[in-house]
Amino acid sequence: MKQLSQNEYIGKYIHDLRIKNHMTLKQLSEKVDLSPGFLSQMERGYTTFSLNTLTALAEVFDADLSSFFAKPVELTGEKYIARSYNRTNFRLSKEFEQYTLLSQLHSDKIVPEIYNIYPQRTDIETVVFSHAQEELMILLDGCLEVTVDKESFVLTPHDSIYIPPNTKHSWKNLTNNTVTLLGILINS
């Protein structure tokens, strides 16, 4: 089986979301202000695209931006284990990296991920998240300020916080070192 390139994978994911939402290319093009031809090229993995384009598509489909980059876990001989050297790794911004923690037998009900959050830069705007899933976050290392629906909390190692579905939240690294956070999305 041919392994898809990143563009092909994202294009297929966009196509699947569009079909799932019963939209034509023309309907989607009107919502994101892109031509149907460009969207068709995107869905087939023939073109590159900007983060702004993916952000617009994520808003239309009410999806997390990160979902465009989550490739399926590679099969190994160990169906219960997700080895650290075999995780899907992708960076969402200059502020953090995100790693999947799924084994081959993962449930679609929960999505555990590790976030490495870099020291706060003053020249970058704080990213605010909101998604349809519940989320549980556990701070593994460092000190992190988490804002949930305009209320801020400071977490220290082994503290946890629950984020209700569709609730705006953000985080800020309060140290000069990388902070490590375990996030668990819970799909209903």
N, C-alpha and C. Protein backbone atom coordinates (compact mmCIF):
# COMPACT_ATOMS: atom_id res chain seq x y z
N MET A 1 0.84 -1.19 0.00
CA MET A 1 0.00 0.00 0.00
C MET A 1 0.88 1.25 0.00
N LYS A 2 0.63 2.17 -0.93
CA LYS A 2 1.41 3.39 -1.06
C LYS A 2 1.15 4.32 0.13
N GLN A 3 2.24 4.82 0.72
CA GLN A 3 2.09 5.75 1.83
C GLN A 3 1.80 7.14 1.25
N LEU A 4 0.81 7.81 1.80
CA LEU A 4 0.42 9.13 1.32
C LEU A 4 1.40 10.19 1.78
N SER A 5 1.66 11.18 0.92
CA SER A 5 2.44 12.34 1.34
C SER A 5 1.59 13.17 2.29
N GLN A 6 2.22 14.13 2.96
CA GLN A 6 1.47 15.00 3.89
C GLN A 6 0.34 15.72 3.14
N ASN A 7 0.62 16.26 1.94
CA ASN A 7 -0.41 16.95 1.17
C ASN A 7 -1.55 16.02 0.77
N GLU A 8 -1.20 14.79 0.37
CA GLU A 8 -2.24 13.81 -0.01
C GLU A 8 -3.09 13.42 1.20
N TYR A 9 -2.43 13.24 2.34
CA TYR A 9 -3.16 12.88 3.55
C TYR A 9 -4.14 13.99 3.94
N ILE A 10 -3.66 15.23 3.96
CA ILE A 10 -4.51 16.37 4.33
C ILE A 10 -5.64 16.52 3.31
N GLY A 11 -5.32 16.38 2.04
CA GLY A 11 -6.33 16.49 0.99
C GLY A 11 -7.43 15.44 1.15
N LYS A 12 -7.03 14.21 1.42
CA LYS A 12 -8.01 13.14 1.62
C LYS A 12 -8.88 13.43 2.85
N TYR A 13 -8.26 13.95 3.89
CA TYR A 13 -8.99 14.29 5.12
C TYR A 13 -10.03 15.39 4.82
N ILE A 14 -9.64 16.40 4.05
CA ILE A 14 -10.56 17.48 3.69
C ILE A 14 -11.70 16.92 2.85
N HIS A 15 -11.37 16.07 1.88
CA HIS A 15 -12.40 15.43 1.04
C HIS A 15 -13.39 14.66 1.92
N ASP A 16 -12.86 13.85 2.84
CA ASP A 16 -13.72 13.05 3.72
C ASP A 16 -14.62 13.94 4.58
N LEU A 17 -14.07 15.04 5.10
CA LEU A 17 -14.89 15.97 5.90
C LEU A 17 -15.99 16.60 5.05
N ARG A 18 -15.63 16.98 3.82
CA ARG A 18 -16.62 17.60 2.93
C ARG A 18 -17.76 16.64 2.63
N ILE A 19 -17.43 15.41 2.31
CA ILE A 19 -18.46 14.40 2.01
C ILE A 19 -19.30 14.12 3.25
N LYS A 20 -18.63 13.97 4.38
CA LYS A 20 -19.34 13.71 5.65
C LYS A 20 -20.35 14.83 5.96
N ASN A 21 -20.00 16.06 5.58
CA ASN A 21 -20.87 17.22 5.83
C ASN A 21 -21.81 17.51 4.66
N HIS A 22 -21.89 16.58 3.69
CA HIS A 22 -22.81 16.68 2.55
C HIS A 22 -22.64 18.00 1.80
N MET A 23 -21.38 18.34 1.51
CA MET A 23 -21.09 19.59 0.79
C MET A 23 -20.48 19.29 -0.56
N THR A 24 -20.82 20.12 -1.54
CA THR A 24 -20.17 20.05 -2.84
C THR A 24 -18.92 20.93 -2.78
N LEU A 25 -18.04 20.78 -3.77
CA LEU A 25 -16.87 21.66 -3.85
C LEU A 25 -17.30 23.12 -3.97
N LYS A 26 -18.36 23.35 -4.74
CA LYS A 26 -18.85 24.73 -4.91
C LYS A 26 -19.34 25.32 -3.59
N GLN A 27 -20.08 24.54 -2.81
CA GLN A 27 -20.57 25.02 -1.51
C GLN A 27 -19.41 25.33 -0.57
N LEU A 28 -18.42 24.44 -0.53
CA LEU A 28 -17.26 24.67 0.33
C LEU A 28 -16.46 25.88 -0.15
N SER A 29 -16.33 26.03 -1.46
CA SER A 29 -15.56 27.15 -2.01
C SER A 29 -16.18 28.49 -1.60
N GLU A 30 -17.50 28.56 -1.55
CA GLU A 30 -18.18 29.79 -1.14
C GLU A 30 -17.94 30.10 0.32
N LYS A 31 -17.80 29.07 1.15
CA LYS A 31 -17.59 29.28 2.59
C LYS A 31 -16.17 29.70 2.93
N VAL A 32 -15.19 29.25 2.13
CA VAL A 32 -13.79 29.57 2.44
C VAL A 32 -13.15 30.53 1.44
N ASP A 33 -13.94 31.01 0.48
CA ASP A 33 -13.48 32.00 -0.50
C ASP A 33 -12.28 31.48 -1.31
N LEU A 34 -12.38 30.23 -1.76
CA LEU A 34 -11.38 29.63 -2.64
C LEU A 34 -12.12 29.02 -3.83
N SER A 35 -11.46 28.90 -4.96
CA SER A 35 -12.12 28.34 -6.14
C SER A 35 -12.36 26.85 -5.98
N PRO A 36 -13.44 26.33 -6.59
CA PRO A 36 -13.67 24.88 -6.56
C PRO A 36 -12.49 24.10 -7.16
N GLY A 37 -11.87 24.67 -8.20
CA GLY A 37 -10.73 24.02 -8.84
C GLY A 37 -9.55 23.88 -7.88
N PHE A 38 -9.27 24.94 -7.13
CA PHE A 38 -8.18 24.89 -6.15
C PHE A 38 -8.48 23.86 -5.07
N LEU A 39 -9.72 23.85 -4.58
CA LEU A 39 -10.11 22.88 -3.55
C LEU A 39 -9.99 21.44 -4.08
N SER A 40 -10.37 21.24 -5.34
CA SER A 40 -10.24 19.92 -5.96
C SER A 40 -8.77 19.49 -6.00
N GLN A 41 -7.90 20.42 -6.39
CA GLN A 41 -6.46 20.13 -6.42
C GLN A 41 -5.95 19.80 -5.02
N MET A 42 -6.45 20.55 -4.03
CA MET A 42 -6.07 20.31 -2.64
C MET A 42 -6.47 18.92 -2.19
N GLU A 43 -7.72 18.56 -2.46
CA GLU A 43 -8.23 17.26 -2.04
C GLU A 43 -7.45 16.10 -2.66
N ARG A 44 -6.89 16.32 -3.83
CA ARG A 44 -6.12 15.26 -4.49
C ARG A 44 -4.63 15.32 -4.12
N GLY A 45 -4.25 16.30 -3.29
CA GLY A 45 -2.86 16.41 -2.85
C GLY A 45 -1.93 16.98 -3.88
N TYR A 46 -2.48 17.70 -4.87
CA TYR A 46 -1.67 18.23 -5.96
C TYR A 46 -1.13 19.63 -5.71
N THR A 47 -1.52 20.25 -4.62
CA THR A 47 -1.09 21.62 -4.38
C THR A 47 -0.73 21.80 -2.91
N THR A 48 0.01 22.85 -2.64
CA THR A 48 0.31 23.20 -1.25
C THR A 48 -0.72 24.23 -0.80
N PHE A 49 -0.78 24.46 0.49
CA PHE A 49 -1.79 25.36 1.03
C PHE A 49 -1.23 26.04 2.25
N SER A 50 -1.85 27.14 2.61
CA SER A 50 -1.36 27.92 3.74
C SER A 50 -2.07 27.51 5.03
N LEU A 51 -1.49 27.93 6.13
CA LEU A 51 -2.10 27.70 7.43
C LEU A 51 -3.43 28.45 7.51
N ASN A 52 -3.52 29.61 6.86
CA ASN A 52 -4.78 30.37 6.85
C ASN A 52 -5.88 29.57 6.15
N THR A 53 -5.53 28.88 5.07
CA THR A 53 -6.51 28.06 4.35
C THR A 53 -7.00 26.92 5.25
N LEU A 54 -6.05 26.24 5.91
CA LEU A 54 -6.45 25.15 6.81
C LEU A 54 -7.28 25.66 7.99
N THR A 55 -6.94 26.84 8.49
CA THR A 55 -7.71 27.43 9.59
C THR A 55 -9.14 27.71 9.14
N ALA A 56 -9.31 28.25 7.94
CA ALA A 56 -10.65 28.52 7.41
C ALA A 56 -11.44 27.23 7.25
N LEU A 57 -10.78 26.19 6.74
CA LEU A 57 -11.45 24.89 6.58
C LEU A 57 -11.81 24.29 7.94
N ALA A 58 -10.92 24.42 8.91
CA ALA A 58 -11.20 23.91 10.26
C ALA A 58 -12.43 24.58 10.85
N GLU A 59 -12.57 25.89 10.61
CA GLU A 59 -13.74 26.62 11.12
C GLU A 59 -15.02 26.14 10.44
N VAL A 60 -14.98 25.93 9.15
CA VAL A 60 -16.17 25.46 8.41
C VAL A 60 -16.61 24.10 8.93
N PHE A 61 -15.64 23.21 9.18
CA PHE A 61 -15.97 21.84 9.59
C PHE A 61 -16.03 21.68 11.11
N ASP A 62 -15.82 22.78 11.85
CA ASP A 62 -15.80 22.73 13.32
C ASP A 62 -14.82 21.66 13.79
N ALA A 63 -13.61 21.70 13.23
CA ALA A 63 -12.57 20.72 13.55
C ALA A 63 -11.36 21.44 14.13
N ASP A 64 -10.57 20.71 14.90
CA ASP A 64 -9.31 21.25 15.40
C ASP A 64 -8.32 21.32 14.26
N LEU A 65 -7.54 22.35 14.23
CA LEU A 65 -6.50 22.49 13.21
C LEU A 65 -5.56 21.29 13.25
N SER A 66 -5.29 20.78 14.43
CA SER A 66 -4.37 19.65 14.57
C SER A 66 -4.87 18.39 13.87
N SER A 67 -6.18 18.26 13.69
CA SER A 67 -6.72 17.05 13.07
C SER A 67 -6.27 16.90 11.62
N PHE A 68 -5.88 17.99 10.96
CA PHE A 68 -5.42 17.92 9.58
C PHE A 68 -4.04 17.24 9.48
N PHE A 69 -3.31 17.21 10.59
CA PHE A 69 -1.95 16.70 10.58
C PHE A 69 -1.78 15.34 11.23
N ALA A 70 -2.81 14.80 11.85
CA ALA A 70 -2.70 13.54 12.60
C ALA A 70 -2.76 12.36 11.64
N LYS A 71 -1.62 11.80 11.34
CA LYS A 71 -1.57 10.62 10.46
C LYS A 71 -1.86 9.37 11.28
N PRO A 72 -2.37 8.33 10.63
CA PRO A 72 -2.59 7.07 11.35
C PRO A 72 -1.28 6.52 11.90
N VAL A 73 -1.37 5.85 13.03
CA VAL A 73 -0.20 5.26 13.65
C VAL A 73 0.30 4.10 12.80
N GLU A 74 1.62 4.04 12.58
CA GLU A 74 2.22 2.95 11.80
C GLU A 74 2.10 1.64 12.56
N LEU A 75 1.77 0.57 11.86
CA LEU A 75 1.64 -0.73 12.49
C LEU A 75 3.02 -1.31 12.78
N THR A 76 3.18 -1.84 13.98
CA THR A 76 4.40 -2.54 14.37
C THR A 76 3.99 -3.90 14.90
N GLY A 77 4.92 -4.66 15.40
CA GLY A 77 4.60 -5.95 15.97
C GLY A 77 3.99 -5.85 17.36
N GLU A 78 3.96 -4.65 17.94
CA GLU A 78 3.49 -4.46 19.32
C GLU A 78 2.17 -3.70 19.31
N LYS A 79 1.07 -4.44 19.31
CA LYS A 79 -0.22 -3.79 19.15
C LYS A 79 -0.68 -2.98 20.36
N TYR A 80 -0.15 -3.21 21.56
CA TYR A 80 -0.59 -2.50 22.75
C TYR A 80 0.29 -1.31 23.11
N ILE A 81 1.41 -1.16 22.43
CA ILE A 81 2.42 -0.18 22.84
C ILE A 81 2.59 0.88 21.75
N ALA A 82 2.73 2.12 22.18
CA ALA A 82 3.11 3.22 21.29
C ALA A 82 4.51 3.65 21.70
N ARG A 83 5.51 3.24 20.96
CA ARG A 83 6.90 3.55 21.29
C ARG A 83 7.19 5.03 21.04
N SER A 84 7.98 5.62 21.94
CA SER A 84 8.29 7.05 21.83
C SER A 84 8.96 7.38 20.50
N TYR A 85 9.76 6.48 19.96
CA TYR A 85 10.46 6.74 18.70
C TYR A 85 9.58 6.52 17.47
N ASN A 86 8.35 6.04 17.67
CA ASN A 86 7.47 5.75 16.54
C ASN A 86 6.18 6.59 16.58
N ARG A 87 6.18 7.63 17.39
CA ARG A 87 4.99 8.48 17.50
C ARG A 87 4.90 9.45 16.34
N THR A 88 3.66 9.83 16.03
CA THR A 88 3.45 10.91 15.07
C THR A 88 3.81 12.20 15.79
N ASN A 89 4.66 12.98 15.19
CA ASN A 89 5.13 14.23 15.78
C ASN A 89 4.82 15.35 14.80
N PHE A 90 4.14 16.35 15.28
CA PHE A 90 3.95 17.51 14.43
C PHE A 90 3.89 18.76 15.28
N ARG A 91 4.37 19.85 14.72
CA ARG A 91 4.39 21.13 15.42
C ARG A 91 3.23 21.96 14.92
N LEU A 92 2.46 22.51 15.83
CA LEU A 92 1.33 23.34 15.44
C LEU A 92 1.71 24.81 15.37
N SER A 93 2.69 25.22 16.13
CA SER A 93 3.10 26.62 16.11
C SER A 93 4.55 26.69 16.56
N LYS A 94 5.07 27.89 16.63
CA LYS A 94 6.43 28.07 17.13
C LYS A 94 6.47 27.93 18.64
N GLU A 95 5.31 27.81 19.27
CA GLU A 95 5.25 27.74 20.72
C GLU A 95 5.21 26.33 21.28
N PHE A 96 4.78 25.33 20.50
CA PHE A 96 4.71 23.99 21.07
C PHE A 96 4.77 22.89 20.01
N GLU A 97 5.11 21.69 20.48
CA GLU A 97 5.08 20.47 19.67
C GLU A 97 4.02 19.56 20.26
N GLN A 98 3.47 18.71 19.42
CA GLN A 98 2.42 17.80 19.86
C GLN A 98 2.76 16.40 19.35
N TYR A 99 2.65 15.40 20.23
CA TYR A 99 2.92 14.01 19.89
C TYR A 99 1.71 13.15 20.23
N THR A 100 1.39 12.22 19.36
CA THR A 100 0.32 11.28 19.68
C THR A 100 0.86 10.20 20.61
N LEU A 101 -0.02 9.59 21.38
CA LEU A 101 0.36 8.51 22.30
C LEU A 101 -0.46 7.26 22.03
N LEU A 102 -0.87 7.04 20.81
CA LEU A 102 -1.78 5.95 20.50
C LEU A 102 -1.05 4.67 20.12
N SER A 103 -1.59 3.56 20.59
CA SER A 103 -1.11 2.27 20.13
C SER A 103 -1.98 1.87 18.94
N GLN A 104 -1.68 0.73 18.34
CA GLN A 104 -2.46 0.24 17.21
C GLN A 104 -3.89 -0.09 17.59
N LEU A 105 -4.14 -0.36 18.85
CA LEU A 105 -5.48 -0.75 19.30
C LEU A 105 -6.22 0.39 19.98
N HIS A 106 -5.82 1.62 19.69
CA HIS A 106 -6.45 2.74 20.38
C HIS A 106 -7.94 2.82 20.09
N SER A 107 -8.63 3.42 21.02
CA SER A 107 -10.05 3.67 20.88
C SER A 107 -10.22 5.06 20.26
N ASP A 108 -11.22 5.23 19.42
CA ASP A 108 -11.50 6.55 18.88
C ASP A 108 -12.16 7.45 19.92
N LYS A 109 -12.52 6.88 21.05
CA LYS A 109 -13.21 7.64 22.09
C LYS A 109 -12.26 8.58 22.83
N ILE A 110 -11.00 8.17 23.00
CA ILE A 110 -10.03 9.04 23.66
C ILE A 110 -8.84 9.27 22.75
N VAL A 111 -8.27 10.47 22.82
CA VAL A 111 -7.10 10.82 22.03
C VAL A 111 -6.06 11.44 22.97
N PRO A 112 -5.12 10.61 23.46
CA PRO A 112 -4.09 11.14 24.36
C PRO A 112 -2.92 11.72 23.55
N GLU A 113 -2.42 12.87 24.01
CA GLU A 113 -1.31 13.53 23.32
C GLU A 113 -0.39 14.18 24.33
N ILE A 114 0.87 14.28 23.98
CA ILE A 114 1.86 15.00 24.79
C ILE A 114 2.14 16.33 24.09
N TYR A 115 2.17 17.40 24.86
CA TYR A 115 2.52 18.72 24.34
C TYR A 115 3.81 19.18 25.02
N ASN A 116 4.78 19.59 24.23
CA ASN A 116 5.96 20.27 24.73
C ASN A 116 5.75 21.74 24.44
N ILE A 117 5.60 22.54 25.50
CA ILE A 117 5.30 23.96 25.34
C ILE A 117 6.56 24.75 25.65
N TYR A 118 7.01 25.53 24.68
CA TYR A 118 8.26 26.25 24.80
C TYR A 118 8.08 27.52 25.63
N PRO A 119 9.20 28.08 26.12
CA PRO A 119 9.10 29.33 26.88
C PRO A 119 8.34 30.40 26.09
N GLN A 120 7.58 31.20 26.80
CA GLN A 120 6.70 32.21 26.19
C GLN A 120 7.51 33.26 25.44
N ARG A 121 7.13 33.49 24.19
CA ARG A 121 7.73 34.55 23.39
C ARG A 121 6.79 35.74 23.40
N THR A 122 7.32 36.93 23.51
CA THR A 122 6.50 38.13 23.57
C THR A 122 5.98 38.55 22.21
N ASP A 123 6.63 38.09 21.13
CA ASP A 123 6.24 38.52 19.79
C ASP A 123 5.17 37.62 19.16
N ILE A 124 4.67 36.64 19.91
CA ILE A 124 3.67 35.72 19.36
C ILE A 124 2.37 35.85 20.13
N GLU A 125 1.28 35.92 19.39
CA GLU A 125 -0.05 36.02 19.97
C GLU A 125 -0.44 34.70 20.63
N THR A 126 -1.14 34.76 21.74
CA THR A 126 -1.61 33.55 22.42
C THR A 126 -2.65 32.85 21.56
N VAL A 127 -2.49 31.54 21.39
CA VAL A 127 -3.43 30.75 20.61
C VAL A 127 -4.57 30.32 21.53
N VAL A 128 -5.80 30.56 21.12
CA VAL A 128 -6.98 30.18 21.89
C VAL A 128 -7.62 28.98 21.20
N PHE A 129 -7.88 27.93 21.97
CA PHE A 129 -8.45 26.70 21.45
C PHE A 129 -9.91 26.58 21.88
N SER A 130 -10.69 25.89 21.09
CA SER A 130 -12.06 25.53 21.43
C SER A 130 -12.42 24.36 20.52
N HIS A 131 -12.90 23.28 21.10
CA HIS A 131 -13.26 22.11 20.30
C HIS A 131 -14.43 21.39 20.93
N ALA A 132 -15.04 20.53 20.14
CA ALA A 132 -16.27 19.86 20.55
C ALA A 132 -16.03 18.77 21.60
N GLN A 133 -14.79 18.34 21.77
CA GLN A 133 -14.49 17.27 22.72
C GLN A 133 -14.24 17.83 24.13
N GLU A 134 -14.49 16.98 25.13
CA GLU A 134 -14.04 17.26 26.49
C GLU A 134 -12.53 17.06 26.50
N GLU A 135 -11.84 17.72 27.42
CA GLU A 135 -10.40 17.53 27.49
C GLU A 135 -9.95 17.50 28.95
N LEU A 136 -9.05 16.60 29.23
CA LEU A 136 -8.40 16.53 30.53
C LEU A 136 -6.93 16.78 30.29
N MET A 137 -6.34 17.72 31.03
CA MET A 137 -4.92 18.02 30.88
C MET A 137 -4.23 17.78 32.22
N ILE A 138 -3.07 17.14 32.17
CA ILE A 138 -2.27 16.86 33.35
C ILE A 138 -0.87 17.41 33.10
N LEU A 139 -0.41 18.30 33.98
CA LEU A 139 0.92 18.88 33.82
C LEU A 139 1.96 17.89 34.33
N LEU A 140 2.88 17.50 33.46
CA LEU A 140 3.90 16.53 33.84
C LEU A 140 5.16 17.20 34.36
N ASP A 141 5.51 18.36 33.76
CA ASP A 141 6.74 19.03 34.15
C ASP A 141 6.65 20.51 33.87
N GLY A 142 7.09 21.35 34.80
CA GLY A 142 7.11 22.80 34.60
C GLY A 142 6.01 23.51 35.35
N CYS A 143 5.73 24.72 34.91
CA CYS A 143 4.69 25.56 35.51
C CYS A 143 3.93 26.21 34.36
N LEU A 144 2.62 26.06 34.37
CA LEU A 144 1.82 26.48 33.23
C LEU A 144 0.59 27.25 33.69
N GLU A 145 0.34 28.38 33.05
CA GLU A 145 -0.90 29.11 33.30
C GLU A 145 -1.91 28.68 32.24
N VAL A 146 -3.05 28.19 32.69
CA VAL A 146 -4.12 27.76 31.79
C VAL A 146 -5.31 28.68 32.00
N THR A 147 -5.82 29.26 30.93
CA THR A 147 -6.98 30.12 30.99
C THR A 147 -8.15 29.37 30.37
N VAL A 148 -9.23 29.24 31.15
CA VAL A 148 -10.42 28.54 30.71
C VAL A 148 -11.58 29.51 30.85
N ASP A 149 -12.18 29.86 29.71
CA ASP A 149 -13.33 30.77 29.72
C ASP A 149 -13.06 32.03 30.54
N LYS A 150 -11.89 32.66 30.29
CA LYS A 150 -11.45 33.92 30.89
C LYS A 150 -11.02 33.81 32.36
N GLU A 151 -10.98 32.61 32.93
CA GLU A 151 -10.50 32.41 34.30
C GLU A 151 -9.15 31.69 34.22
N SER A 152 -8.13 32.24 34.90
CA SER A 152 -6.78 31.68 34.81
C SER A 152 -6.42 30.87 36.05
N PHE A 153 -5.65 29.79 35.79
CA PHE A 153 -5.19 28.89 36.85
C PHE A 153 -3.72 28.59 36.60
N VAL A 154 -2.94 28.49 37.68
CA VAL A 154 -1.54 28.12 37.56
C VAL A 154 -1.42 26.65 37.96
N LEU A 155 -0.86 25.84 37.04
CA LEU A 155 -0.67 24.42 37.29
C LEU A 155 0.81 24.15 37.58
N THR A 156 1.06 23.27 38.53
CA THR A 156 2.40 22.79 38.81
C THR A 156 2.40 21.28 38.56
N PRO A 157 3.57 20.63 38.54
CA PRO A 157 3.61 19.21 38.17
C PRO A 157 2.57 18.35 38.90
N HIS A 158 1.91 17.52 38.11
CA HIS A 158 0.89 16.54 38.52
C HIS A 158 -0.48 17.16 38.80
N ASP A 159 -0.63 18.48 38.62
CA ASP A 159 -1.96 19.10 38.68
C ASP A 159 -2.69 18.74 37.39
N SER A 160 -4.01 18.68 37.47
CA SER A 160 -4.81 18.41 36.27
C SER A 160 -5.94 19.42 36.19
N ILE A 161 -6.47 19.57 34.98
CA ILE A 161 -7.57 20.51 34.76
C ILE A 161 -8.50 19.91 33.70
N TYR A 162 -9.78 20.12 33.90
CA TYR A 162 -10.80 19.64 32.97
C TYR A 162 -11.29 20.82 32.14
N ILE A 163 -11.40 20.61 30.83
CA ILE A 163 -11.92 21.63 29.91
C ILE A 163 -13.22 21.09 29.31
N PRO A 164 -14.36 21.73 29.60
CA PRO A 164 -15.62 21.28 29.02
C PRO A 164 -15.64 21.47 27.50
N PRO A 165 -16.51 20.75 26.80
CA PRO A 165 -16.61 20.91 25.34
C PRO A 165 -16.94 22.35 24.96
N ASN A 166 -16.43 22.78 23.82
CA ASN A 166 -16.73 24.10 23.23
C ASN A 166 -16.40 25.26 24.16
N THR A 167 -15.38 25.09 24.99
CA THR A 167 -14.96 26.14 25.92
C THR A 167 -13.63 26.71 25.46
N LYS A 168 -13.54 28.02 25.33
CA LYS A 168 -12.29 28.66 24.92
C LYS A 168 -11.25 28.48 26.02
N HIS A 169 -10.03 28.08 25.60
CA HIS A 169 -8.95 27.91 26.56
C HIS A 169 -7.61 28.16 25.88
N SER A 170 -6.63 28.53 26.69
CA SER A 170 -5.28 28.79 26.20
C SER A 170 -4.31 28.47 27.31
N TRP A 171 -3.02 28.46 26.98
CA TRP A 171 -2.00 28.21 27.99
C TRP A 171 -0.81 29.12 27.78
N LYS A 172 -0.03 29.29 28.84
CA LYS A 172 1.18 30.11 28.77
C LYS A 172 2.24 29.46 29.66
N ASN A 173 3.40 29.19 29.09
CA ASN A 173 4.53 28.65 29.82
C ASN A 173 5.07 29.75 30.73
N LEU A 174 5.13 29.50 32.04
CA LEU A 174 5.60 30.50 33.00
C LEU A 174 7.07 30.32 33.37
N THR A 175 7.78 29.45 32.63
CA THR A 175 9.18 29.19 32.95
C THR A 175 10.07 29.52 31.75
N ASN A 176 11.36 29.38 31.95
CA ASN A 176 12.33 29.55 30.86
C ASN A 176 12.70 28.21 30.24
N ASN A 177 12.01 27.14 30.62
CA ASN A 177 12.27 25.79 30.13
C ASN A 177 11.02 25.26 29.43
N THR A 178 11.18 24.17 28.70
CA THR A 178 10.05 23.53 28.05
C THR A 178 9.15 22.89 29.11
N VAL A 179 7.85 23.09 28.96
CA VAL A 179 6.85 22.51 29.86
C VAL A 179 6.22 21.32 29.14
N THR A 180 5.98 20.22 29.87
CA THR A 180 5.38 19.03 29.27
C THR A 180 4.00 18.79 29.85
N LEU A 181 3.03 18.61 28.96
CA LEU A 181 1.63 18.49 29.34
C LEU A 181 1.03 17.26 28.66
N LEU A 182 0.27 16.48 29.40
CA LEU A 182 -0.49 15.36 28.84
C LEU A 182 -1.91 15.86 28.63
N GLY A 183 -2.38 15.78 27.40
CA GLY A 183 -3.75 16.17 27.09
C GLY A 183 -4.53 14.97 26.61
N ILE A 184 -5.75 14.80 27.09
CA ILE A 184 -6.59 13.68 26.67
C ILE A 184 -7.92 14.24 26.17
N LEU A 185 -8.15 14.15 24.85
CA LEU A 185 -9.43 14.56 24.27
C LEU A 185 -10.38 13.38 24.39
N ILE A 186 -11.62 13.67 24.75
CA ILE A 186 -12.62 12.63 24.95
C ILE A 186 -13.76 12.88 23.96
N ASN A 187 -13.88 12.02 22.96
CA ASN A 187 -14.94 12.13 21.97
C ASN A 187 -16.21 11.46 22.50
N SER A 188 -17.35 12.07 22.23
CA SER A 188 -18.59 11.45 22.70
C SER A 188 -19.12 10.45 21.71
